[in-house]
Amino acid sequence: MRFLFIVPALALAFGAQAATPEEALNKAGCMACHTKDKKLVGPSFKDIAAKYKGQAATDKLVQKVRKGGSGSFGPIPMSPNGPDKINDADLKAAVEFILKS
């Protein structure tokens, strides 16, 4: 009977906690090319937010991150970022965080 109470407690204690958007961006390697307020290799989060202001762009940007590409902010390509680098939930939260920058 105690087993039924211990398993959920262990799951809560050691289970995967949801990363904050900032943690997800760091873990996925996004911060190697992007910063919050200055262009690095890629555009700053503020520049991305400004470009897509007033648009429902979350799904569009999630797809851009997944597929990679170039041309939106210049010729330097962004490599694709699959679910092995950042899971769907963390990616969506990160994009929403960027759009609020």
Protein backbone atom coordinates (compact mmCIF):
# COMPACT_ATOMS: atom_id res chain seq x y z
CA MET A 1 0.00 0.00 0.00
CA ARG A 2 2.83 2.40 0.82
CA PHE A 3 4.15 1.84 -2.69
CA LEU A 4 1.11 3.61 -4.11
CA PHE A 5 2.04 6.76 -2.20
CA ILE A 6 5.78 6.58 -2.72
CA VAL A 7 5.75 6.35 -6.52
CA PRO A 8 3.82 9.61 -7.08
CA ALA A 9 5.96 11.37 -4.47
CA LEU A 10 9.14 10.23 -6.23
CA ALA A 11 7.74 11.27 -9.58
CA LEU A 12 7.10 14.75 -8.22
CA ALA A 13 10.49 14.97 -6.54
CA PHE A 14 12.56 13.65 -9.43
CA GLY A 15 10.31 14.18 -12.42
CA ALA A 16 11.26 16.43 -15.25
CA GLN A 17 10.33 19.97 -14.44
CA ALA A 18 9.26 22.22 -17.27
CA ALA A 19 12.10 24.48 -18.29
CA THR A 20 11.60 28.21 -18.30
CA PRO A 21 11.77 29.68 -21.80
CA GLU A 22 15.19 31.13 -20.99
CA GLU A 23 16.47 27.73 -19.83
CA ALA A 24 15.08 26.07 -22.94
CA LEU A 25 16.76 28.66 -25.19
CA ASN A 26 20.10 28.11 -23.44
CA LYS A 27 19.83 24.32 -23.45
CA ALA A 28 18.92 24.24 -27.15
CA GLY A 29 21.92 26.40 -28.06
CA CYS A 30 19.87 29.36 -29.31
CA MET A 31 21.93 31.78 -27.24
CA ALA A 32 25.03 30.93 -29.28
CA CYS A 33 23.59 33.02 -32.11
CA HIS A 34 20.88 35.20 -30.51
CA THR A 35 20.68 37.62 -27.60
CA LYS A 36 17.76 39.45 -26.06
CA ASP A 37 18.62 42.94 -27.31
CA LYS A 38 21.61 42.88 -29.69
CA LYS A 39 22.25 41.26 -33.06
CA LEU A 40 24.86 38.54 -32.73
CA VAL A 41 24.99 35.98 -35.55
CA GLY A 42 21.20 36.03 -35.78
CA PRO A 43 18.71 38.76 -34.93
CA SER A 44 18.00 39.79 -31.35
CA PHE A 45 14.80 38.67 -29.72
CA LYS A 46 13.69 42.32 -29.69
CA ASP A 47 14.19 42.54 -33.47
CA ILE A 48 12.22 39.33 -33.98
CA ALA A 49 9.41 40.60 -31.74
CA ALA A 50 9.34 43.93 -33.60
CA LYS A 51 9.16 42.25 -37.02
CA TYR A 52 6.22 40.07 -36.02
CA LYS A 53 4.43 42.57 -33.76
CA GLY A 54 0.66 42.37 -34.09
CA GLN A 55 0.80 39.08 -35.98
CA ALA A 56 -0.22 35.64 -34.80
CA ALA A 57 3.27 34.34 -35.58
CA THR A 58 3.90 31.65 -32.96
CA ASP A 59 3.17 28.67 -35.22
CA LYS A 60 5.00 30.27 -38.14
CA LEU A 61 8.13 30.85 -36.05
CA VAL A 62 8.01 27.38 -34.51
CA GLN A 63 8.12 25.99 -38.06
CA LYS A 64 10.98 28.35 -39.00
CA VAL A 65 12.99 27.11 -36.04
CA ARG A 66 12.24 23.48 -36.90
CA LYS A 67 13.08 23.82 -40.62
CA GLY A 68 15.84 26.44 -40.44
CA GLY A 69 16.51 28.69 -43.40
CA SER A 70 17.67 32.17 -44.30
CA GLY A 71 16.42 35.38 -45.78
CA SER A 72 14.14 36.69 -43.06
CA PHE A 73 16.88 38.68 -41.34
CA GLY A 74 19.74 38.44 -43.81
CA PRO A 75 21.83 35.87 -45.66
CA ILE A 76 23.21 33.91 -42.69
CA PRO A 77 21.24 30.66 -42.48
CA MET A 78 19.79 29.22 -39.31
CA SER A 79 20.21 25.47 -39.06
CA PRO A 80 17.16 23.31 -38.41
CA ASN A 81 16.43 22.54 -34.77
CA GLY A 82 14.64 19.25 -34.26
CA PRO A 83 12.80 17.92 -31.22
CA ASP A 84 16.04 16.32 -30.05
CA LYS A 85 17.38 19.84 -29.35
CA ILE A 86 14.19 21.41 -27.99
CA ASN A 87 10.85 19.68 -27.46
CA ASP A 88 7.64 21.07 -28.91
CA ALA A 89 6.29 22.50 -25.63
CA ASP A 90 9.57 24.24 -24.76
CA LEU A 91 9.92 25.57 -28.31
CA LYS A 92 6.42 27.04 -28.30
CA ALA A 93 7.04 28.65 -24.89
CA ALA A 94 10.40 30.00 -26.09
CA VAL A 95 8.85 31.51 -29.24
CA GLU A 96 6.09 33.11 -27.17
CA PHE A 97 8.75 34.51 -24.82
CA ILE A 98 10.70 35.92 -27.79
CA LEU A 99 7.59 37.54 -29.25
CA LYS A 100 6.98 39.31 -25.91
CA SER A 101 10.57 40.68 -25.81
